[in-house]
Amino acid sequence: MCRERIIFRIAGSLILLGVILGYYVSPYWLILDAFVGVNMLQSSFTGFCPMTLILKAMKIEACSGSAQLT
């Protein structure tokens, strides 16, 4: 599996987890959704994503060819 797909899966999972915990446990869990959203927004402008650094350190390669998301 390539790096970009993993990043989307982690972000989506964290957002869903934040919504579920915000509904059932405490509304303060919605801060997790806000954090993930702000990180995705800043990443779209700057190209910097902290999760990319983590995945690079784990030696997970970037998508190439037709597997790359557009």
C-alpha atoms as a PDB file:
ATOM      1  CA  MET A   1       0.000   0.000   0.000  1.00  0.00           C
ATOM      2  CA  CYS A   2       1.301   3.449  -0.805  1.00  0.00           C
ATOM      3  CA  ARG A   3       1.794   6.453   1.450  1.00  0.00           C
ATOM      4  CA  GLU A   4      -1.001   8.681   0.114  1.00  0.00           C
ATOM      5  CA  ARG A   5      -3.683   6.036   0.544  1.00  0.00           C
ATOM      6  CA  ILE A   6      -2.552   5.373   4.102  1.00  0.00           C
ATOM      7  CA  ILE A   7      -2.738   9.093   4.902  1.00  0.00           C
ATOM      8  CA  PHE A   8      -6.329   9.299   3.620  1.00  0.00           C
ATOM      9  CA  ARG A   9      -7.310   6.199   5.607  1.00  0.00           C
ATOM     10  CA  ILE A  10      -5.796   7.527   8.828  1.00  0.00           C
ATOM     11  CA  ALA A  11      -7.390  10.973   8.396  1.00  0.00           C
ATOM     12  CA  GLY A  12     -10.798   9.486   7.614  1.00  0.00           C
ATOM     13  CA  SER A  13     -10.584   7.091  10.542  1.00  0.00           C
ATOM     14  CA  LEU A  14      -9.646   9.864  12.968  1.00  0.00           C
ATOM     15  CA  ILE A  15     -12.516  12.046  11.762  1.00  0.00           C
ATOM     16  CA  LEU A  16     -15.045   9.214  12.134  1.00  0.00           C
ATOM     17  CA  LEU A  17     -13.639   8.325  15.557  1.00  0.00           C
ATOM     18  CA  GLY A  18     -13.919  11.957  16.673  1.00  0.00           C
ATOM     19  CA  VAL A  19     -17.541  12.183  15.523  1.00  0.00           C
ATOM     20  CA  ILE A  20     -18.507   8.931  17.241  1.00  0.00           C
ATOM     21  CA  LEU A  21     -16.769   9.880  20.489  1.00  0.00           C
ATOM     22  CA  GLY A  22     -18.207  13.394  20.271  1.00  0.00           C
ATOM     23  CA  TYR A  23     -21.715  11.981  20.013  1.00  0.00           C
ATOM     24  CA  TYR A  24     -21.482   9.254  22.645  1.00  0.00           C
ATOM     25  CA  VAL A  25     -18.848  10.487  25.113  1.00  0.00           C
ATOM     26  CA  SER A  26     -18.263  14.239  25.095  1.00  0.00           C
ATOM     27  CA  PRO A  27     -18.569  17.085  22.589  1.00  0.00           C
ATOM     28  CA  TYR A  28     -14.961  17.951  23.375  1.00  0.00           C
ATOM     29  CA  TRP A  29     -13.926  15.033  21.153  1.00  0.00           C
ATOM     30  CA  LEU A  30     -14.970  17.168  18.180  1.00  0.00           C
ATOM     31  CA  ILE A  31     -11.708  19.040  18.740  1.00  0.00           C
ATOM     32  CA  LEU A  32     -10.022  15.981  17.207  1.00  0.00           C
ATOM     33  CA  ASP A  33     -12.027  16.532  13.999  1.00  0.00           C
ATOM     34  CA  ALA A  34     -11.088  20.191  13.963  1.00  0.00           C
ATOM     35  CA  PHE A  35      -7.399  19.329  14.402  1.00  0.00           C
ATOM     36  CA  VAL A  36      -7.446  16.822  11.532  1.00  0.00           C
ATOM     37  CA  GLY A  37      -9.343  19.268   9.310  1.00  0.00           C
ATOM     38  CA  VAL A  38      -6.960  22.145  10.009  1.00  0.00           C
ATOM     39  CA  ASN A  39      -3.986  19.877   9.348  1.00  0.00           C
ATOM     40  CA  MET A  40      -5.464  18.767   6.008  1.00  0.00           C
ATOM     41  CA  LEU A  41      -6.168  22.387   5.054  1.00  0.00           C
ATOM     42  CA  GLN A  42      -2.669  23.621   5.892  1.00  0.00           C
ATOM     43  CA  SER A  43      -1.206  20.619   4.077  1.00  0.00           C
ATOM     44  CA  SER A  44      -3.077  21.580   0.910  1.00  0.00           C
ATOM     45  CA  PHE A  45      -1.414  25.017   0.983  1.00  0.00           C
ATOM     46  CA  THR A  46       2.069  24.152   2.228  1.00  0.00           C
ATOM     47  CA  GLY A  47       2.546  20.565   1.071  1.00  0.00           C
ATOM     48  CA  PHE A  48       3.789  19.628   4.562  1.00  0.00           C
ATOM     49  CA  CYS A  49       2.097  16.743   6.337  1.00  0.00           C
ATOM     50  CA  PRO A  50       3.445  15.362   9.626  1.00  0.00           C
ATOM     51  CA  MET A  51       2.070  11.895   8.839  1.00  0.00           C
ATOM     52  CA  THR A  52       4.217  11.833   5.697  1.00  0.00           C
ATOM     53  CA  LEU A  53       7.330  12.178   7.853  1.00  0.00           C
ATOM     54  CA  ILE A  54       6.206   9.285  10.025  1.00  0.00           C
ATOM     55  CA  LEU A  55       5.464   7.059   7.033  1.00  0.00           C
ATOM     56  CA  LYS A  56       8.791   7.957   5.389  1.00  0.00           C
ATOM     57  CA  ALA A  57      10.568   6.932   8.598  1.00  0.00           C
ATOM     58  CA  MET A  58       8.703   3.607   8.374  1.00  0.00           C
ATOM     59  CA  LYS A  59      10.065   3.206   4.810  1.00  0.00           C
ATOM     60  CA  ILE A  60       6.635   3.274   3.154  1.00  0.00           C
ATOM     61  CA  GLU A  61       6.945   4.405  -0.450  1.00  0.00           C
ATOM     62  CA  ALA A  62       4.892   7.074  -2.201  1.00  0.00           C
ATOM     63  CA  CYS A  63       2.318   6.054  -4.816  1.00  0.00           C
ATOM     64  CA  SER A  64       3.611   5.766  -8.338  1.00  0.00           C
ATOM     65  CA  GLY A  65       1.987   5.466 -11.733  1.00  0.00           C
ATOM     66  CA  SER A  66      -1.683   4.585 -11.929  1.00  0.00           C
ATOM     67  CA  ALA A  67      -1.951   3.965  -8.164  1.00  0.00           C
ATOM     68  CA  GLN A  68      -1.400   7.648  -7.433  1.00  0.00           C
ATOM     69  CA  LEU A  69      -4.436   9.675  -6.390  1.00  0.00           C
ATOM     70  CA  THR A  70      -5.284  12.694  -8.513  1.00  0.00           C
END
